[in-house]
Amino acid sequence: MAPYEALYGRKCRSPTCWTELGERQLLGPELVAETEDKVKLIQARLKEASDRQKSYADLKRRDIEFAVGGRVFLKVSPWKKVLRFGKKGKLSPRFIGPYKVLRRVGPVAYQLELPAELSQIHDVFHVSMLRRYRSDPSHVVAVEEIEVNPDLTMEEEPVQILDRDVKVLRRKSVPLVKVLWQNHGVEEATWEPEDMMRQQYPQLF
């Protein structure tokens, strides 16, 4: 008795002929012909599924080219349990850079000029890993000098009251003022209780 039959209580059947016990088994040329027909059917269905998926992908596919000497962002691969490009975690950036394009390697790959801290990374990347960087002077943020205390703390001083409002609660109403602070822009103004601001900064009123 074969070990398979002793273990499972039935004979082992070959994957090329999955006939049930008691059925007529094909032998010789009939088995070969039926196997070839099954293989052709499987290949046809696989090609049909592949063509259908390719038609969906072609709708979003576009030819991307980058100029040598230009700058591009590099996509950070979110690999699990692997530290890639010095970035990891849920809130890590999706792209890093920009980096300079040194040369084109083939039709869909480019070599980048990476900094010294990324020297262990291969410097040739597929176009799907790159995003074009468009230089804009408005992206440059001017750094203003801020006075910092010896203990690295900073005192915020109110500059102006921009608006007033009243917050109605269940049993009382709280008057509020919108305060513009010294080292912040208008979009960073905050709503503060009016009575507290009158006590701490009476010069505003």
N, C-alpha and C. Protein backbone atom coordinates (compact mmCIF):
# COMPACT_ATOMS: atom_id res chain seq x y z
N MET A 1 0.85 -1.20 0.00
CA MET A 1 0.00 0.00 0.00
C MET A 1 0.89 1.25 0.00
N ALA A 2 0.50 2.23 -0.82
CA ALA A 2 1.27 3.46 -0.90
C ALA A 2 1.09 4.28 0.37
N PRO A 3 2.10 5.09 0.74
CA PRO A 3 1.96 5.92 1.96
C PRO A 3 0.77 6.88 1.89
N TYR A 4 0.49 7.47 0.72
CA TYR A 4 -0.65 8.39 0.60
C TYR A 4 -1.96 7.66 0.88
N GLU A 5 -2.08 6.46 0.31
CA GLU A 5 -3.32 5.69 0.50
C GLU A 5 -3.46 5.25 1.95
N ALA A 6 -2.34 4.93 2.60
CA ALA A 6 -2.40 4.53 4.00
C ALA A 6 -2.76 5.70 4.91
N LEU A 7 -2.35 6.93 4.52
CA LEU A 7 -2.61 8.09 5.36
C LEU A 7 -4.03 8.61 5.20
N TYR A 8 -4.50 8.69 3.93
CA TYR A 8 -5.80 9.31 3.66
C TYR A 8 -6.90 8.30 3.35
N GLY A 9 -6.58 7.04 3.18
CA GLY A 9 -7.60 6.05 2.94
C GLY A 9 -8.12 6.02 1.52
N ARG A 10 -7.44 6.69 0.59
CA ARG A 10 -7.82 6.68 -0.82
C ARG A 10 -6.57 6.82 -1.66
N LYS A 11 -6.69 6.47 -2.92
CA LYS A 11 -5.55 6.52 -3.82
C LYS A 11 -5.27 7.97 -4.25
N CYS A 12 -4.01 8.25 -4.51
CA CYS A 12 -3.61 9.58 -4.98
C CYS A 12 -3.91 9.70 -6.46
N ARG A 13 -4.59 10.79 -6.82
CA ARG A 13 -4.94 11.02 -8.23
C ARG A 13 -4.04 12.11 -8.81
N SER A 14 -3.61 11.95 -10.03
CA SER A 14 -2.74 12.91 -10.70
C SER A 14 -3.54 14.16 -11.08
N PRO A 15 -2.93 15.35 -10.98
CA PRO A 15 -3.65 16.58 -11.36
C PRO A 15 -4.07 16.62 -12.82
N THR A 16 -3.43 15.80 -13.68
CA THR A 16 -3.80 15.81 -15.10
C THR A 16 -5.09 15.06 -15.37
N CYS A 17 -5.57 14.33 -14.40
CA CYS A 17 -6.81 13.57 -14.61
C CYS A 17 -7.57 13.51 -13.30
N TRP A 18 -8.40 14.51 -13.03
CA TRP A 18 -9.14 14.61 -11.78
C TRP A 18 -10.51 13.93 -11.91
N THR A 19 -10.50 12.72 -12.32
CA THR A 19 -11.77 11.98 -12.45
C THR A 19 -12.12 11.33 -11.13
N GLU A 20 -13.42 11.26 -10.85
CA GLU A 20 -13.88 10.63 -9.62
C GLU A 20 -13.76 9.12 -9.74
N LEU A 21 -13.67 8.48 -8.61
CA LEU A 21 -13.59 7.03 -8.60
C LEU A 21 -14.85 6.44 -9.20
N GLY A 22 -14.67 5.46 -10.05
CA GLY A 22 -15.81 4.82 -10.69
C GLY A 22 -16.10 5.38 -12.07
N GLU A 23 -15.55 6.56 -12.42
CA GLU A 23 -15.77 7.12 -13.74
C GLU A 23 -14.81 6.47 -14.74
N ARG A 24 -15.14 6.61 -16.01
CA ARG A 24 -14.28 6.05 -17.05
C ARG A 24 -13.04 6.92 -17.16
N GLN A 25 -11.88 6.33 -17.02
CA GLN A 25 -10.64 7.06 -17.10
C GLN A 25 -10.13 7.09 -18.54
N LEU A 26 -9.61 8.24 -18.95
CA LEU A 26 -9.08 8.40 -20.29
C LEU A 26 -7.65 7.89 -20.33
N LEU A 27 -7.30 7.24 -21.35
CA LEU A 27 -5.96 6.69 -21.50
C LEU A 27 -5.42 7.05 -22.87
N GLY A 28 -4.11 7.16 -22.96
CA GLY A 28 -3.43 7.35 -24.23
C GLY A 28 -3.75 8.68 -24.88
N PRO A 29 -4.01 8.67 -26.21
CA PRO A 29 -4.22 9.93 -26.96
C PRO A 29 -5.42 10.73 -26.47
N GLU A 30 -6.44 10.07 -25.95
CA GLU A 30 -7.60 10.81 -25.46
C GLU A 30 -7.24 11.69 -24.27
N LEU A 31 -6.41 11.18 -23.37
CA LEU A 31 -5.97 11.98 -22.22
C LEU A 31 -5.14 13.17 -22.65
N VAL A 32 -4.24 12.97 -23.59
CA VAL A 32 -3.39 14.06 -24.09
C VAL A 32 -4.25 15.12 -24.77
N ALA A 33 -5.21 14.69 -25.61
CA ALA A 33 -6.06 15.65 -26.33
C ALA A 33 -6.91 16.47 -25.37
N GLU A 34 -7.49 15.83 -24.38
CA GLU A 34 -8.33 16.56 -23.42
C GLU A 34 -7.48 17.52 -22.58
N THR A 35 -6.27 17.09 -22.20
CA THR A 35 -5.38 17.97 -21.43
C THR A 35 -5.00 19.19 -22.24
N GLU A 36 -4.69 19.01 -23.53
CA GLU A 36 -4.34 20.15 -24.39
C GLU A 36 -5.52 21.11 -24.53
N ASP A 37 -6.73 20.58 -24.64
CA ASP A 37 -7.92 21.45 -24.74
C ASP A 37 -8.10 22.26 -23.47
N LYS A 38 -7.89 21.63 -22.32
CA LYS A 38 -8.03 22.35 -21.05
C LYS A 38 -6.97 23.44 -20.93
N VAL A 39 -5.74 23.15 -21.35
CA VAL A 39 -4.67 24.14 -21.28
C VAL A 39 -4.98 25.32 -22.19
N LYS A 40 -5.48 25.06 -23.39
CA LYS A 40 -5.83 26.14 -24.31
C LYS A 40 -6.97 27.00 -23.75
N LEU A 41 -7.95 26.36 -23.09
CA LEU A 41 -9.05 27.10 -22.50
C LEU A 41 -8.55 28.00 -21.36
N ILE A 42 -7.64 27.45 -20.54
CA ILE A 42 -7.08 28.24 -19.44
C ILE A 42 -6.28 29.42 -19.98
N GLN A 43 -5.47 29.20 -21.02
CA GLN A 43 -4.68 30.28 -21.60
C GLN A 43 -5.58 31.36 -22.20
N ALA A 44 -6.66 30.96 -22.84
CA ALA A 44 -7.57 31.94 -23.43
C ALA A 44 -8.24 32.79 -22.36
N ARG A 45 -8.64 32.17 -21.25
CA ARG A 45 -9.28 32.93 -20.18
C ARG A 45 -8.29 33.84 -19.47
N LEU A 46 -7.05 33.38 -19.30
CA LEU A 46 -6.03 34.25 -18.69
C LEU A 46 -5.74 35.45 -19.57
N LYS A 47 -5.67 35.24 -20.90
CA LYS A 47 -5.43 36.35 -21.82
C LYS A 47 -6.59 37.33 -21.81
N GLU A 48 -7.80 36.82 -21.72
CA GLU A 48 -8.97 37.69 -21.67
C GLU A 48 -8.96 38.56 -20.42
N ALA A 49 -8.62 37.96 -19.28
CA ALA A 49 -8.54 38.73 -18.04
C ALA A 49 -7.40 39.74 -18.09
N SER A 50 -6.27 39.34 -18.66
CA SER A 50 -5.12 40.26 -18.76
C SER A 50 -5.45 41.44 -19.67
N ASP A 51 -6.10 41.18 -20.79
CA ASP A 51 -6.47 42.27 -21.70
C ASP A 51 -7.46 43.23 -21.06
N ARG A 52 -8.38 42.69 -20.26
CA ARG A 52 -9.35 43.54 -19.59
C ARG A 52 -8.68 44.44 -18.56
N GLN A 53 -7.76 43.88 -17.77
CA GLN A 53 -7.03 44.70 -16.80
C GLN A 53 -6.13 45.72 -17.49
N LYS A 54 -5.55 45.34 -18.62
CA LYS A 54 -4.68 46.27 -19.36
C LYS A 54 -5.48 47.43 -19.92
N SER A 55 -6.70 47.17 -20.35
CA SER A 55 -7.53 48.25 -20.88
C SER A 55 -7.87 49.26 -19.79
N TYR A 56 -8.07 48.78 -18.54
CA TYR A 56 -8.32 49.70 -17.43
C TYR A 56 -7.07 50.51 -17.11
N ALA A 57 -5.90 49.87 -17.12
CA ALA A 57 -4.66 50.56 -16.79
C ALA A 57 -4.27 51.56 -17.86
N ASP A 58 -4.56 51.27 -19.12
CA ASP A 58 -4.18 52.17 -20.21
C ASP A 58 -4.92 53.50 -20.14
N LEU A 59 -6.09 53.51 -19.49
CA LEU A 59 -6.84 54.77 -19.38
C LEU A 59 -6.09 55.78 -18.53
N LYS A 60 -5.30 55.33 -17.55
CA LYS A 60 -4.58 56.24 -16.66
C LYS A 60 -3.10 56.34 -17.00
N ARG A 61 -2.63 55.51 -17.94
CA ARG A 61 -1.22 55.51 -18.28
C ARG A 61 -0.89 56.70 -19.18
N ARG A 62 0.22 57.34 -18.91
CA ARG A 62 0.66 58.47 -19.73
C ARG A 62 2.18 58.46 -19.79
N ASP A 63 2.69 58.92 -20.91
CA ASP A 63 4.14 58.98 -21.09
C ASP A 63 4.70 60.18 -20.32
N ILE A 64 5.67 59.91 -19.45
CA ILE A 64 6.27 60.94 -18.61
C ILE A 64 7.75 61.04 -18.96
N GLU A 65 8.21 62.25 -19.20
CA GLU A 65 9.61 62.48 -19.50
C GLU A 65 10.11 63.64 -18.64
N PHE A 66 11.37 63.55 -18.23
CA PHE A 66 12.00 64.59 -17.43
C PHE A 66 13.26 65.07 -18.15
N ALA A 67 13.53 66.36 -18.05
CA ALA A 67 14.70 66.94 -18.70
C ALA A 67 15.93 66.72 -17.83
N VAL A 68 17.05 66.40 -18.50
CA VAL A 68 18.32 66.25 -17.78
C VAL A 68 18.73 67.61 -17.23
N GLY A 69 19.05 67.67 -15.96
CA GLY A 69 19.37 68.92 -15.30
C GLY A 69 18.22 69.49 -14.51
N GLY A 70 17.00 68.99 -14.77
CA GLY A 70 15.84 69.44 -14.01
C GLY A 70 15.78 68.78 -12.65
N ARG A 71 14.76 69.11 -11.89
CA ARG A 71 14.62 68.58 -10.54
C ARG A 71 13.30 67.84 -10.40
N VAL A 72 13.32 66.77 -9.63
CA VAL A 72 12.14 65.93 -9.43
C VAL A 72 12.04 65.54 -7.97
N PHE A 73 10.81 65.23 -7.55
CA PHE A 73 10.58 64.65 -6.23
C PHE A 73 10.66 63.13 -6.34
N LEU A 74 11.11 62.49 -5.27
CA LEU A 74 11.27 61.04 -5.22
C LEU A 74 10.25 60.44 -4.26
N LYS A 75 9.51 59.45 -4.73
CA LYS A 75 8.49 58.82 -3.91
C LYS A 75 9.13 57.91 -2.87
N VAL A 76 8.59 57.96 -1.65
CA VAL A 76 9.08 57.11 -0.57
C VAL A 76 8.23 55.85 -0.54
N SER A 77 8.87 54.70 -0.69
CA SER A 77 8.15 53.44 -0.71
C SER A 77 7.71 53.05 0.70
N PRO A 78 6.41 52.84 0.92
CA PRO A 78 5.93 52.47 2.27
C PRO A 78 6.11 50.98 2.54
N TRP A 79 7.34 50.52 2.67
CA TRP A 79 7.58 49.11 2.98
C TRP A 79 7.41 48.85 4.46
N LYS A 80 6.78 47.74 4.79
CA LYS A 80 6.55 47.39 6.18
C LYS A 80 7.85 46.90 6.81
N LYS A 81 8.11 47.39 8.02
CA LYS A 81 9.24 46.97 8.83
C LYS A 81 10.58 47.23 8.15
N VAL A 82 10.61 48.10 7.15
CA VAL A 82 11.85 48.42 6.46
C VAL A 82 12.00 49.92 6.42
N LEU A 83 13.14 50.44 6.81
CA LEU A 83 13.40 51.87 6.79
C LEU A 83 13.94 52.24 5.42
N ARG A 84 13.18 53.01 4.65
CA ARG A 84 13.57 53.39 3.31
C ARG A 84 13.75 54.90 3.24
N PHE A 85 14.89 55.34 2.71
CA PHE A 85 15.18 56.75 2.49
C PHE A 85 15.12 57.56 3.79
N GLY A 86 15.30 56.90 4.93
CA GLY A 86 15.30 57.61 6.19
C GLY A 86 13.93 58.07 6.63
N LYS A 87 12.85 57.59 6.01
CA LYS A 87 11.50 58.01 6.37
C LYS A 87 10.67 56.79 6.71
N LYS A 88 9.89 56.86 7.79
CA LYS A 88 8.98 55.78 8.14
C LYS A 88 7.85 56.34 8.99
N GLY A 89 6.77 55.58 9.11
CA GLY A 89 5.65 56.01 9.92
C GLY A 89 4.48 56.48 9.07
N LYS A 90 3.31 56.53 9.70
CA LYS A 90 2.10 56.89 8.99
C LYS A 90 2.12 58.33 8.48
N LEU A 91 2.69 59.24 9.27
CA LEU A 91 2.67 60.66 8.91
C LEU A 91 3.93 61.10 8.20
N SER A 92 4.76 60.19 7.74
CA SER A 92 5.96 60.57 7.01
C SER A 92 5.58 61.07 5.62
N PRO A 93 6.38 61.94 5.01
CA PRO A 93 6.03 62.50 3.69
C PRO A 93 6.04 61.42 2.62
N ARG A 94 5.20 61.59 1.61
CA ARG A 94 5.14 60.65 0.50
C ARG A 94 6.26 60.88 -0.51
N PHE A 95 6.75 62.12 -0.59
CA PHE A 95 7.82 62.45 -1.53
C PHE A 95 8.91 63.20 -0.80
N ILE A 96 10.15 62.99 -1.22
CA ILE A 96 11.28 63.72 -0.68
C ILE A 96 12.04 64.36 -1.83
N GLY A 97 12.85 65.35 -1.51
CA GLY A 97 13.59 66.04 -2.57
C GLY A 97 13.33 67.53 -2.53
N PRO A 98 13.50 68.23 -3.64
CA PRO A 98 13.77 67.71 -4.99
C PRO A 98 15.24 67.38 -5.21
N TYR A 99 15.47 66.50 -6.21
CA TYR A 99 16.82 66.08 -6.58
C TYR A 99 17.04 66.34 -8.07
N LYS A 100 18.27 66.55 -8.42
CA LYS A 100 18.64 66.86 -9.80
C LYS A 100 18.71 65.60 -10.64
N VAL A 101 18.21 65.68 -11.89
CA VAL A 101 18.27 64.56 -12.84
C VAL A 101 19.63 64.60 -13.54
N LEU A 102 20.42 63.53 -13.39
CA LEU A 102 21.75 63.48 -14.01
C LEU A 102 21.69 62.99 -15.44
N ARG A 103 20.99 61.89 -15.68
CA ARG A 103 20.90 61.36 -17.05
C ARG A 103 19.72 60.42 -17.16
N ARG A 104 19.35 60.13 -18.39
CA ARG A 104 18.26 59.21 -18.66
C ARG A 104 18.83 57.82 -18.92
N VAL A 105 18.31 56.83 -18.22
CA VAL A 105 18.77 55.45 -18.35
C VAL A 105 17.64 54.64 -18.97
N GLY A 106 17.69 54.43 -20.27
CA GLY A 106 16.61 53.72 -20.94
C GLY A 106 15.39 54.61 -21.13
N PRO A 107 14.31 54.04 -21.63
CA PRO A 107 13.12 54.87 -21.94
C PRO A 107 12.31 55.28 -20.71
N VAL A 108 12.41 54.53 -19.58
CA VAL A 108 11.54 54.82 -18.44
C VAL A 108 12.31 54.89 -17.13
N ALA A 109 13.59 55.20 -17.15
CA ALA A 109 14.37 55.26 -15.91
C ALA A 109 15.31 56.45 -15.96
N TYR A 110 15.58 57.03 -14.78
CA TYR A 110 16.44 58.20 -14.68
C TYR A 110 17.39 58.04 -13.50
N GLN A 111 18.58 58.61 -13.67
CA GLN A 111 19.57 58.63 -12.59
C GLN A 111 19.51 59.98 -11.91
N LEU A 112 19.45 59.96 -10.56
CA LEU A 112 19.31 61.18 -9.78
C LEU A 112 20.59 61.45 -8.99
N GLU A 113 20.78 62.71 -8.66
CA GLU A 113 21.90 63.12 -7.81
C GLU A 113 21.40 63.13 -6.36
N LEU A 114 21.69 62.06 -5.64
CA LEU A 114 21.21 61.91 -4.27
C LEU A 114 22.22 62.48 -3.28
N PRO A 115 21.75 62.96 -2.12
CA PRO A 115 22.68 63.48 -1.11
C PRO A 115 23.48 62.36 -0.47
N ALA A 116 24.46 62.75 0.34
CA ALA A 116 25.37 61.78 0.96
C ALA A 116 24.63 60.82 1.89
N GLU A 117 23.57 61.30 2.58
CA GLU A 117 22.87 60.42 3.53
C GLU A 117 22.08 59.32 2.83
N LEU A 118 21.90 59.42 1.51
CA LEU A 118 21.21 58.37 0.75
C LEU A 118 22.17 57.62 -0.16
N SER A 119 23.44 57.59 0.20
CA SER A 119 24.44 56.95 -0.65
C SER A 119 24.24 55.45 -0.74
N GLN A 120 23.55 54.82 0.23
CA GLN A 120 23.33 53.39 0.21
C GLN A 120 22.18 53.00 -0.72
N ILE A 121 21.46 53.99 -1.28
CA ILE A 121 20.34 53.72 -2.17
C ILE A 121 20.82 53.79 -3.62
N HIS A 122 20.39 52.84 -4.45
CA HIS A 122 20.71 52.89 -5.88
C HIS A 122 20.07 54.12 -6.50
N ASP A 123 20.82 54.86 -7.30
CA ASP A 123 20.39 56.18 -7.76
C ASP A 123 19.63 56.17 -9.07
N VAL A 124 19.19 55.02 -9.57
CA VAL A 124 18.40 54.93 -10.80
C VAL A 124 16.99 54.52 -10.42
N PHE A 125 15.98 55.30 -10.90
CA PHE A 125 14.58 55.07 -10.49
C PHE A 125 13.67 55.05 -11.71
N HIS A 126 12.60 54.29 -11.60
CA HIS A 126 11.56 54.26 -12.63
C HIS A 126 10.75 55.54 -12.57
N VAL A 127 10.16 55.93 -13.71
CA VAL A 127 9.41 57.19 -13.77
C VAL A 127 8.22 57.18 -12.83
N SER A 128 7.69 56.00 -12.50
CA SER A 128 6.56 55.94 -11.58
C SER A 128 6.94 56.38 -10.18
N MET A 129 8.24 56.40 -9.85
CA MET A 129 8.71 56.83 -8.53
C MET A 129 9.01 58.32 -8.48
N LEU A 130 8.86 59.03 -9.60
CA LEU A 130 9.27 60.42 -9.68
C LEU A 130 8.07 61.33 -9.93
N ARG A 131 8.16 62.56 -9.45
CA ARG A 131 7.16 63.59 -9.69
C ARG A 131 7.89 64.88 -10.07
N ARG A 132 7.36 65.58 -11.05
CA ARG A 132 8.01 66.78 -11.54
C ARG A 132 7.96 67.89 -10.50
N TYR A 133 9.06 68.62 -10.38
CA TYR A 133 9.14 69.77 -9.47
C TYR A 133 9.15 71.04 -10.30
N ARG A 134 8.19 71.91 -10.02
CA ARG A 134 8.10 73.18 -10.72
C ARG A 134 8.51 74.29 -9.76
N SER A 135 9.61 74.95 -10.09
CA SER A 135 10.13 75.99 -9.21
C SER A 135 9.19 77.18 -9.19
N ASP A 136 8.93 77.70 -7.99
CA ASP A 136 8.04 78.83 -7.82
C ASP A 136 8.64 79.74 -6.75
N PRO A 137 8.91 81.02 -7.08
CA PRO A 137 9.48 81.92 -6.06
C PRO A 137 8.61 82.07 -4.82
N SER A 138 7.29 81.85 -4.97
CA SER A 138 6.42 81.99 -3.81
C SER A 138 6.65 80.89 -2.77
N HIS A 139 7.34 79.80 -3.17
CA HIS A 139 7.61 78.72 -2.22
C HIS A 139 8.69 79.11 -1.21
N VAL A 140 9.48 80.13 -1.54
CA VAL A 140 10.55 80.55 -0.64
C VAL A 140 9.96 81.38 0.49
N VAL A 141 10.15 80.92 1.71
CA VAL A 141 9.59 81.59 2.88
C VAL A 141 10.71 82.38 3.57
N ALA A 142 10.47 83.67 3.73
CA ALA A 142 11.47 84.50 4.40
C ALA A 142 11.46 84.21 5.89
N VAL A 143 12.63 84.05 6.45
CA VAL A 143 12.77 83.74 7.88
C VAL A 143 12.94 85.04 8.64
N GLU A 144 12.02 85.31 9.55
CA GLU A 144 12.10 86.52 10.36
C GLU A 144 12.81 86.22 11.67
N GLU A 145 13.57 87.19 12.14
CA GLU A 145 14.28 87.02 13.40
C GLU A 145 13.29 87.13 14.56
N ILE A 146 13.33 86.14 15.45
CA ILE A 146 12.44 86.08 16.60
C ILE A 146 13.28 86.05 17.85
N GLU A 147 12.94 86.90 18.80
CA GLU A 147 13.68 86.94 20.06
C GLU A 147 13.25 85.76 20.93
N VAL A 148 14.24 84.98 21.33
CA VAL A 148 13.99 83.79 22.14
C VAL A 148 14.69 83.96 23.48
N ASN A 149 14.00 83.61 24.55
CA ASN A 149 14.56 83.69 25.89
C ASN A 149 15.66 82.64 26.08
N PRO A 150 16.51 82.80 27.09
CA PRO A 150 17.56 81.79 27.33
C PRO A 150 17.03 80.39 27.55
N ASP A 151 15.82 80.25 28.07
CA ASP A 151 15.25 78.92 28.27
C ASP A 151 14.48 78.44 27.04
N LEU A 152 14.75 79.08 25.89
CA LEU A 152 14.16 78.71 24.59
C LEU A 152 12.64 78.90 24.56
N THR A 153 12.12 79.81 25.36
CA THR A 153 10.71 80.16 25.29
C THR A 153 10.56 81.51 24.59
N MET A 154 9.35 81.78 24.12
CA MET A 154 9.10 83.00 23.38
C MET A 154 7.79 83.61 23.86
N GLU A 155 7.79 84.90 24.10
CA GLU A 155 6.60 85.60 24.57
C GLU A 155 5.83 86.16 23.39
N GLU A 156 4.56 85.83 23.35
CA GLU A 156 3.69 86.34 22.30
C GLU A 156 2.97 87.59 22.79
N GLU A 157 2.97 88.61 21.96
CA GLU A 157 2.30 89.86 22.29
C GLU A 157 1.20 90.12 21.28
N PRO A 158 0.00 90.49 21.75
CA PRO A 158 -1.07 90.83 20.82
C PRO A 158 -0.80 92.17 20.14
N VAL A 159 -1.19 92.25 18.87
CA VAL A 159 -0.94 93.46 18.08
C VAL A 159 -2.23 94.23 17.84
N GLN A 160 -3.30 93.52 17.50
CA GLN A 160 -4.52 94.19 17.08
C GLN A 160 -5.70 93.26 17.27
N ILE A 161 -6.86 93.86 17.50
CA ILE A 161 -8.11 93.11 17.55
C ILE A 161 -8.78 93.23 16.19
N LEU A 162 -8.99 92.09 15.54
CA LEU A 162 -9.52 92.08 14.18
C LEU A 162 -11.04 92.00 14.12
N ASP A 163 -11.65 91.32 15.08
CA ASP A 163 -13.10 91.11 15.00
C ASP A 163 -13.63 90.79 16.39
N ARG A 164 -14.96 90.89 16.52
CA ARG A 164 -15.63 90.59 17.78
C ARG A 164 -16.80 89.66 17.52
N ASP A 165 -17.11 88.85 18.53
CA ASP A 165 -18.22 87.91 18.40
C ASP A 165 -18.70 87.55 19.80
N VAL A 166 -19.89 86.96 19.87
CA VAL A 166 -20.46 86.53 21.15
C VAL A 166 -20.84 85.06 21.01
N LYS A 167 -20.27 84.26 21.91
CA LYS A 167 -20.58 82.84 21.93
C LYS A 167 -21.69 82.59 22.93
N VAL A 168 -22.83 82.12 22.42
CA VAL A 168 -24.02 81.92 23.26
C VAL A 168 -24.01 80.48 23.78
N LEU A 169 -23.95 80.35 25.10
CA LEU A 169 -24.02 79.05 25.74
C LEU A 169 -25.42 78.83 26.29
N ARG A 170 -25.61 77.77 27.07
CA ARG A 170 -26.94 77.44 27.56
C ARG A 170 -27.44 78.48 28.57
N ARG A 171 -26.57 78.94 29.47
CA ARG A 171 -27.01 79.84 30.53
C ARG A 171 -26.35 81.21 30.48
N LYS A 172 -25.38 81.41 29.60
CA LYS A 172 -24.70 82.70 29.55
C LYS A 172 -24.12 82.93 28.16
N SER A 173 -23.69 84.16 27.95
CA SER A 173 -23.05 84.55 26.70
C SER A 173 -21.63 85.02 26.99
N VAL A 174 -20.68 84.58 26.15
CA VAL A 174 -19.27 84.90 26.35
C VAL A 174 -18.80 85.77 25.18
N PRO A 175 -18.44 87.03 25.46
CA PRO A 175 -17.92 87.88 24.38
C PRO A 175 -16.49 87.46 24.01
N LEU A 176 -16.22 87.37 22.72
CA LEU A 176 -14.92 86.96 22.21
C LEU A 176 -14.34 88.03 21.32
N VAL A 177 -13.01 88.04 21.22
CA VAL A 177 -12.32 88.94 20.31
C VAL A 177 -11.31 88.12 19.51
N LYS A 178 -11.16 88.48 18.23
CA LYS A 178 -10.19 87.82 17.36
C LYS A 178 -8.90 88.61 17.42
N VAL A 179 -7.81 87.98 17.92
CA VAL A 179 -6.57 88.67 18.22
C VAL A 179 -5.51 88.31 17.19
N LEU A 180 -4.84 89.34 16.68
CA LEU A 180 -3.68 89.16 15.81
C LEU A 180 -2.42 89.23 16.67
N TRP A 181 -1.59 88.17 16.62
CA TRP A 181 -0.41 88.10 17.45
C TRP A 181 0.82 88.61 16.72
N GLN A 182 1.88 88.89 17.46
CA GLN A 182 3.04 89.62 16.95
C GLN A 182 3.78 88.86 15.85
N ASN A 183 4.10 87.62 16.05
CA ASN A 183 4.93 86.87 15.11
C ASN A 183 4.11 85.94 14.22
N HIS A 184 2.86 86.27 13.98
CA HIS A 184 1.99 85.42 13.18
C HIS A 184 1.20 86.28 12.19
N GLY A 185 0.72 85.61 11.13
CA GLY A 185 -0.07 86.29 10.13
C GLY A 185 -1.54 86.36 10.50
N VAL A 186 -2.31 87.00 9.60
CA VAL A 186 -3.74 87.16 9.86
C VAL A 186 -4.45 85.81 9.90
N GLU A 187 -3.99 84.87 9.07
CA GLU A 187 -4.66 83.57 9.04
C GLU A 187 -4.44 82.77 10.32
N GLU A 188 -3.50 83.19 11.16
CA GLU A 188 -3.23 82.49 12.41
C GLU A 188 -3.81 83.21 13.62
N ALA A 189 -4.67 84.19 13.39
CA ALA A 189 -5.31 84.91 14.50
C ALA A 189 -6.23 83.96 15.26
N THR A 190 -6.34 84.18 16.57
CA THR A 190 -7.11 83.28 17.43
C THR A 190 -8.22 84.05 18.14
N TRP A 191 -9.29 83.31 18.50
CA TRP A 191 -10.39 83.88 19.27
C TRP A 191 -10.09 83.69 20.75
N GLU A 192 -10.17 84.79 21.50
CA GLU A 192 -9.90 84.77 22.93
C GLU A 192 -11.04 85.44 23.69
N PRO A 193 -11.27 85.06 24.97
CA PRO A 193 -12.30 85.73 25.78
C PRO A 193 -11.95 87.20 25.98
N GLU A 194 -12.94 88.07 25.79
CA GLU A 194 -12.69 89.51 25.85
C GLU A 194 -12.28 89.96 27.26
N ASP A 195 -12.93 89.41 28.31
CA ASP A 195 -12.60 89.84 29.66
C ASP A 195 -11.16 89.48 30.04
N MET A 196 -10.68 88.31 29.59
CA MET A 196 -9.32 87.92 29.88
C MET A 196 -8.32 88.84 29.16
N MET A 197 -8.62 89.17 27.91
CA MET A 197 -7.73 90.06 27.16
C MET A 197 -7.72 91.47 27.75
N ARG A 198 -8.85 91.92 28.29
CA ARG A 198 -8.90 93.25 28.91
C ARG A 198 -8.03 93.31 30.16
N GLN A 199 -8.00 92.19 30.91
CA GLN A 199 -7.19 92.17 32.12
C GLN A 199 -5.71 92.10 31.81
N GLN A 200 -5.32 91.29 30.81
CA GLN A 200 -3.90 91.10 30.52
C GLN A 200 -3.34 92.18 29.60
N TYR A 201 -4.13 92.64 28.65
CA TYR A 201 -3.64 93.62 27.67
C TYR A 201 -4.64 94.78 27.54
N PRO A 202 -4.74 95.62 28.54
CA PRO A 202 -5.72 96.74 28.45
C PRO A 202 -5.36 97.74 27.37
N GLN A 203 -4.12 97.78 26.91
CA GLN A 203 -3.75 98.76 25.89
C GLN A 203 -4.41 98.49 24.54
N LEU A 204 -4.97 97.28 24.36
CA LEU A 204 -5.63 96.99 23.09
C LEU A 204 -7.00 97.63 23.01
N PHE A 205 -7.61 97.98 24.12
CA PHE A 205 -8.99 98.46 24.14
C PHE A 205 -9.04 99.96 24.37
